[in-house]
Amino acid sequence: MICFPNAKINLGLNVVSKRPDGYHNIETIFYPIPVKDALEIVASDQPSFTGTGIPVDAPQEKNLVIKALNALKTRYEWTSSVKRELMDC
């Protein structure tokens, strides 16, 4: 499966409060731009994640792609491994 998530620019951000789950309630204004990423998910024997573009200095478990796929695996009892690749287009 391959999809092309839309990019956006955050024009303003106000952190309203911190929630008990560690996330924040925010007020924001996004402006869509004509740029997309490519997100590909394929069946694999070994789970892996590859990201291209600007490197992000953060642990992999903090990556939103990883968090979303882990949530899907939990909610839908998804046991197969996947290879995930996020490519800047």
N, C-alpha and C. Protein backbone atom coordinates (compact mmCIF):
# COMPACT_ATOMS: atom_id res chain seq x y z
N MET A 1 0.84 -1.15 0.00
CA MET A 1 0.00 0.00 0.00
C MET A 1 0.90 1.23 0.00
N ILE A 2 0.53 2.19 -0.82
CA ILE A 2 1.27 3.45 -0.82
C ILE A 2 0.25 4.59 -0.79
N CYS A 3 0.53 5.60 0.01
CA CYS A 3 -0.34 6.77 0.06
C CYS A 3 0.53 8.02 0.10
N PHE A 4 -0.09 9.15 -0.13
CA PHE A 4 0.63 10.40 -0.24
C PHE A 4 0.03 11.43 0.72
N PRO A 5 0.48 11.45 1.99
CA PRO A 5 -0.06 12.41 2.96
C PRO A 5 0.26 13.85 2.57
N ASN A 6 -0.72 14.72 2.74
CA ASN A 6 -0.54 16.13 2.41
C ASN A 6 0.37 16.82 3.42
N ALA A 7 1.16 17.74 2.91
CA ALA A 7 2.01 18.56 3.78
C ALA A 7 1.27 19.85 4.12
N LYS A 8 1.71 20.47 5.20
CA LYS A 8 1.10 21.72 5.61
C LYS A 8 2.12 22.55 6.38
N ILE A 9 1.89 23.83 6.45
CA ILE A 9 2.72 24.72 7.24
C ILE A 9 1.88 25.15 8.44
N ASN A 10 2.49 25.10 9.61
CA ASN A 10 1.83 25.54 10.82
C ASN A 10 2.06 27.04 10.97
N LEU A 11 1.01 27.84 10.75
CA LEU A 11 1.15 29.29 10.81
C LEU A 11 1.09 29.83 12.24
N GLY A 12 0.47 29.08 13.10
CA GLY A 12 0.37 29.52 14.49
C GLY A 12 0.09 28.33 15.38
N LEU A 13 0.64 28.36 16.59
CA LEU A 13 0.43 27.26 17.51
C LEU A 13 0.33 27.81 18.93
N ASN A 14 -0.74 27.45 19.60
CA ASN A 14 -0.93 27.81 21.00
C ASN A 14 -1.16 26.52 21.77
N VAL A 15 -0.25 26.18 22.67
CA VAL A 15 -0.42 25.00 23.51
C VAL A 15 -1.35 25.41 24.65
N VAL A 16 -2.55 24.83 24.66
CA VAL A 16 -3.57 25.21 25.63
C VAL A 16 -3.35 24.52 26.97
N SER A 17 -3.11 23.22 26.93
CA SER A 17 -2.92 22.47 28.18
C SER A 17 -2.30 21.12 27.86
N LYS A 18 -1.73 20.50 28.89
CA LYS A 18 -1.18 19.16 28.76
C LYS A 18 -2.23 18.18 29.28
N ARG A 19 -2.44 17.10 28.52
CA ARG A 19 -3.44 16.10 28.88
C ARG A 19 -2.81 15.01 29.73
N PRO A 20 -3.61 14.24 30.43
CA PRO A 20 -3.09 13.13 31.25
C PRO A 20 -2.33 12.07 30.45
N ASP A 21 -2.66 11.95 29.13
CA ASP A 21 -1.98 10.94 28.31
C ASP A 21 -0.63 11.44 27.79
N GLY A 22 -0.21 12.64 28.18
CA GLY A 22 1.09 13.16 27.76
C GLY A 22 1.03 14.04 26.53
N TYR A 23 -0.07 14.00 25.79
CA TYR A 23 -0.23 14.87 24.62
C TYR A 23 -0.72 16.25 25.08
N HIS A 24 -0.85 17.17 24.13
CA HIS A 24 -1.27 18.53 24.46
C HIS A 24 -2.53 18.89 23.69
N ASN A 25 -3.40 19.66 24.31
CA ASN A 25 -4.51 20.29 23.61
C ASN A 25 -3.94 21.56 22.99
N ILE A 26 -4.23 21.76 21.71
CA ILE A 26 -3.63 22.89 20.99
C ILE A 26 -4.69 23.66 20.22
N GLU A 27 -4.37 24.89 19.92
CA GLU A 27 -5.08 25.70 18.93
C GLU A 27 -4.05 26.02 17.86
N THR A 28 -4.42 25.81 16.60
CA THR A 28 -3.44 25.99 15.54
C THR A 28 -4.11 26.43 14.25
N ILE A 29 -3.33 26.97 13.37
CA ILE A 29 -3.78 27.31 12.02
C ILE A 29 -2.80 26.66 11.05
N PHE A 30 -3.32 25.77 10.19
CA PHE A 30 -2.51 25.10 9.18
C PHE A 30 -2.81 25.69 7.82
N TYR A 31 -1.79 25.76 6.99
CA TYR A 31 -1.96 26.19 5.61
C TYR A 31 -1.46 25.05 4.72
N PRO A 32 -2.36 24.46 3.90
CA PRO A 32 -1.93 23.35 3.03
C PRO A 32 -1.00 23.86 1.93
N ILE A 33 -0.01 23.05 1.60
CA ILE A 33 0.91 23.39 0.51
C ILE A 33 0.95 22.23 -0.48
N PRO A 34 1.30 22.50 -1.73
CA PRO A 34 1.25 21.47 -2.77
C PRO A 34 2.48 20.55 -2.74
N VAL A 35 2.76 19.98 -1.58
CA VAL A 35 3.87 19.04 -1.40
C VAL A 35 3.32 17.84 -0.65
N LYS A 36 3.81 16.67 -0.98
CA LYS A 36 3.35 15.46 -0.31
C LYS A 36 4.53 14.58 0.05
N ASP A 37 4.33 13.75 1.07
CA ASP A 37 5.25 12.66 1.36
C ASP A 37 4.70 11.43 0.68
N ALA A 38 5.51 10.40 0.56
CA ALA A 38 5.04 9.10 0.09
C ALA A 38 5.23 8.13 1.25
N LEU A 39 4.17 7.45 1.64
CA LEU A 39 4.21 6.49 2.72
C LEU A 39 3.87 5.13 2.14
N GLU A 40 4.83 4.20 2.23
CA GLU A 40 4.62 2.86 1.68
C GLU A 40 4.68 1.84 2.81
N ILE A 41 3.70 0.95 2.82
CA ILE A 41 3.64 -0.14 3.80
C ILE A 41 3.54 -1.44 3.03
N VAL A 42 4.49 -2.35 3.27
CA VAL A 42 4.49 -3.64 2.58
C VAL A 42 4.70 -4.76 3.59
N ALA A 43 4.15 -5.94 3.28
CA ALA A 43 4.35 -7.10 4.13
C ALA A 43 5.83 -7.45 4.16
N SER A 44 6.29 -7.93 5.32
CA SER A 44 7.70 -8.23 5.49
C SER A 44 7.88 -9.26 6.59
N ASP A 45 8.97 -10.04 6.51
CA ASP A 45 9.28 -10.98 7.58
C ASP A 45 9.80 -10.28 8.82
N GLN A 46 10.50 -9.18 8.62
CA GLN A 46 11.08 -8.42 9.72
C GLN A 46 10.53 -7.00 9.70
N PRO A 47 10.00 -6.50 10.83
CA PRO A 47 9.53 -5.12 10.84
C PRO A 47 10.71 -4.16 10.69
N SER A 48 10.50 -3.10 9.95
CA SER A 48 11.54 -2.10 9.78
C SER A 48 10.89 -0.76 9.45
N PHE A 49 11.66 0.31 9.64
CA PHE A 49 11.20 1.64 9.27
C PHE A 49 12.36 2.38 8.63
N THR A 50 12.11 2.96 7.47
CA THR A 50 13.11 3.75 6.78
C THR A 50 12.51 5.11 6.49
N GLY A 51 13.20 6.15 6.87
CA GLY A 51 12.75 7.50 6.57
C GLY A 51 13.82 8.20 5.77
N THR A 52 13.42 9.00 4.80
CA THR A 52 14.36 9.77 4.01
C THR A 52 14.09 11.25 4.23
N GLY A 53 14.96 12.08 3.76
CA GLY A 53 14.77 13.51 3.92
C GLY A 53 15.59 14.03 5.08
N ILE A 54 15.09 15.06 5.72
CA ILE A 54 15.80 15.69 6.83
C ILE A 54 15.82 14.74 8.02
N PRO A 55 17.00 14.41 8.56
CA PRO A 55 17.05 13.52 9.71
C PRO A 55 16.39 14.14 10.94
N VAL A 56 15.72 13.30 11.71
CA VAL A 56 15.07 13.74 12.94
C VAL A 56 15.78 13.09 14.11
N ASP A 57 16.28 13.90 15.02
CA ASP A 57 17.02 13.39 16.17
C ASP A 57 16.03 13.05 17.28
N ALA A 58 15.40 11.88 17.17
CA ALA A 58 14.43 11.43 18.17
C ALA A 58 14.38 9.91 18.13
N PRO A 59 14.03 9.30 19.26
CA PRO A 59 13.91 7.83 19.27
C PRO A 59 12.80 7.38 18.32
N GLN A 60 13.00 6.22 17.70
CA GLN A 60 12.04 5.72 16.72
C GLN A 60 10.64 5.55 17.31
N GLU A 61 10.56 5.19 18.59
CA GLU A 61 9.23 4.97 19.19
C GLU A 61 8.44 6.28 19.34
N LYS A 62 9.09 7.42 19.16
CA LYS A 62 8.41 8.72 19.21
C LYS A 62 7.88 9.13 17.83
N ASN A 63 8.26 8.41 16.77
CA ASN A 63 7.85 8.73 15.41
C ASN A 63 6.35 8.49 15.26
N LEU A 64 5.63 9.46 14.69
CA LEU A 64 4.18 9.35 14.57
C LEU A 64 3.74 8.20 13.66
N VAL A 65 4.54 7.87 12.65
CA VAL A 65 4.22 6.72 11.78
C VAL A 65 4.26 5.44 12.61
N ILE A 66 5.28 5.28 13.42
CA ILE A 66 5.42 4.09 14.27
C ILE A 66 4.27 4.06 15.28
N LYS A 67 3.96 5.18 15.91
CA LYS A 67 2.87 5.23 16.89
C LYS A 67 1.54 4.83 16.25
N ALA A 68 1.27 5.35 15.05
CA ALA A 68 0.01 5.04 14.37
C ALA A 68 -0.08 3.56 14.02
N LEU A 69 1.00 2.99 13.49
CA LEU A 69 0.96 1.57 13.15
C LEU A 69 0.86 0.69 14.39
N ASN A 70 1.51 1.07 15.48
CA ASN A 70 1.39 0.30 16.72
C ASN A 70 -0.04 0.37 17.24
N ALA A 71 -0.69 1.52 17.12
CA ALA A 71 -2.09 1.65 17.54
C ALA A 71 -3.00 0.76 16.69
N LEU A 72 -2.75 0.72 15.38
CA LEU A 72 -3.53 -0.15 14.49
C LEU A 72 -3.35 -1.62 14.87
N LYS A 73 -2.09 -2.00 15.15
CA LYS A 73 -1.81 -3.40 15.51
C LYS A 73 -2.55 -3.78 16.79
N THR A 74 -2.61 -2.86 17.75
CA THR A 74 -3.29 -3.14 19.01
C THR A 74 -4.80 -3.22 18.81
N ARG A 75 -5.33 -2.25 18.11
CA ARG A 75 -6.79 -2.18 17.95
C ARG A 75 -7.34 -3.31 17.10
N TYR A 76 -6.63 -3.70 16.05
CA TYR A 76 -7.15 -4.68 15.11
C TYR A 76 -6.44 -6.03 15.19
N GLU A 77 -5.69 -6.27 16.26
CA GLU A 77 -4.97 -7.54 16.44
C GLU A 77 -4.18 -7.91 15.19
N TRP A 78 -3.46 -6.96 14.69
CA TRP A 78 -2.66 -7.10 13.48
C TRP A 78 -1.33 -7.70 13.88
N THR A 79 -1.04 -8.91 13.42
CA THR A 79 0.18 -9.60 13.87
C THR A 79 1.27 -9.65 12.80
N SER A 80 0.95 -9.36 11.56
CA SER A 80 1.98 -9.44 10.52
C SER A 80 2.96 -8.29 10.65
N SER A 81 4.19 -8.54 10.24
CA SER A 81 5.21 -7.50 10.24
C SER A 81 5.08 -6.66 8.98
N VAL A 82 5.51 -5.43 9.07
CA VAL A 82 5.48 -4.56 7.90
C VAL A 82 6.78 -3.80 7.78
N LYS A 83 7.10 -3.44 6.56
CA LYS A 83 8.21 -2.54 6.28
C LYS A 83 7.57 -1.20 5.97
N ARG A 84 8.01 -0.17 6.65
CA ARG A 84 7.42 1.15 6.45
C ARG A 84 8.50 2.07 5.90
N GLU A 85 8.15 2.80 4.88
CA GLU A 85 9.10 3.76 4.32
C GLU A 85 8.41 5.08 4.11
N LEU A 86 8.95 6.13 4.69
CA LEU A 86 8.43 7.48 4.51
C LEU A 86 9.42 8.25 3.67
N MET A 87 9.00 8.66 2.50
CA MET A 87 9.89 9.33 1.55
C MET A 87 9.39 10.74 1.29
N ASP A 88 10.28 11.71 1.34
CA ASP A 88 9.93 13.08 0.95
C ASP A 88 9.84 13.13 -0.57
N CYS A 89 8.78 13.72 -1.08
CA CYS A 89 8.63 13.85 -2.54
C CYS A 89 8.78 15.29 -2.95
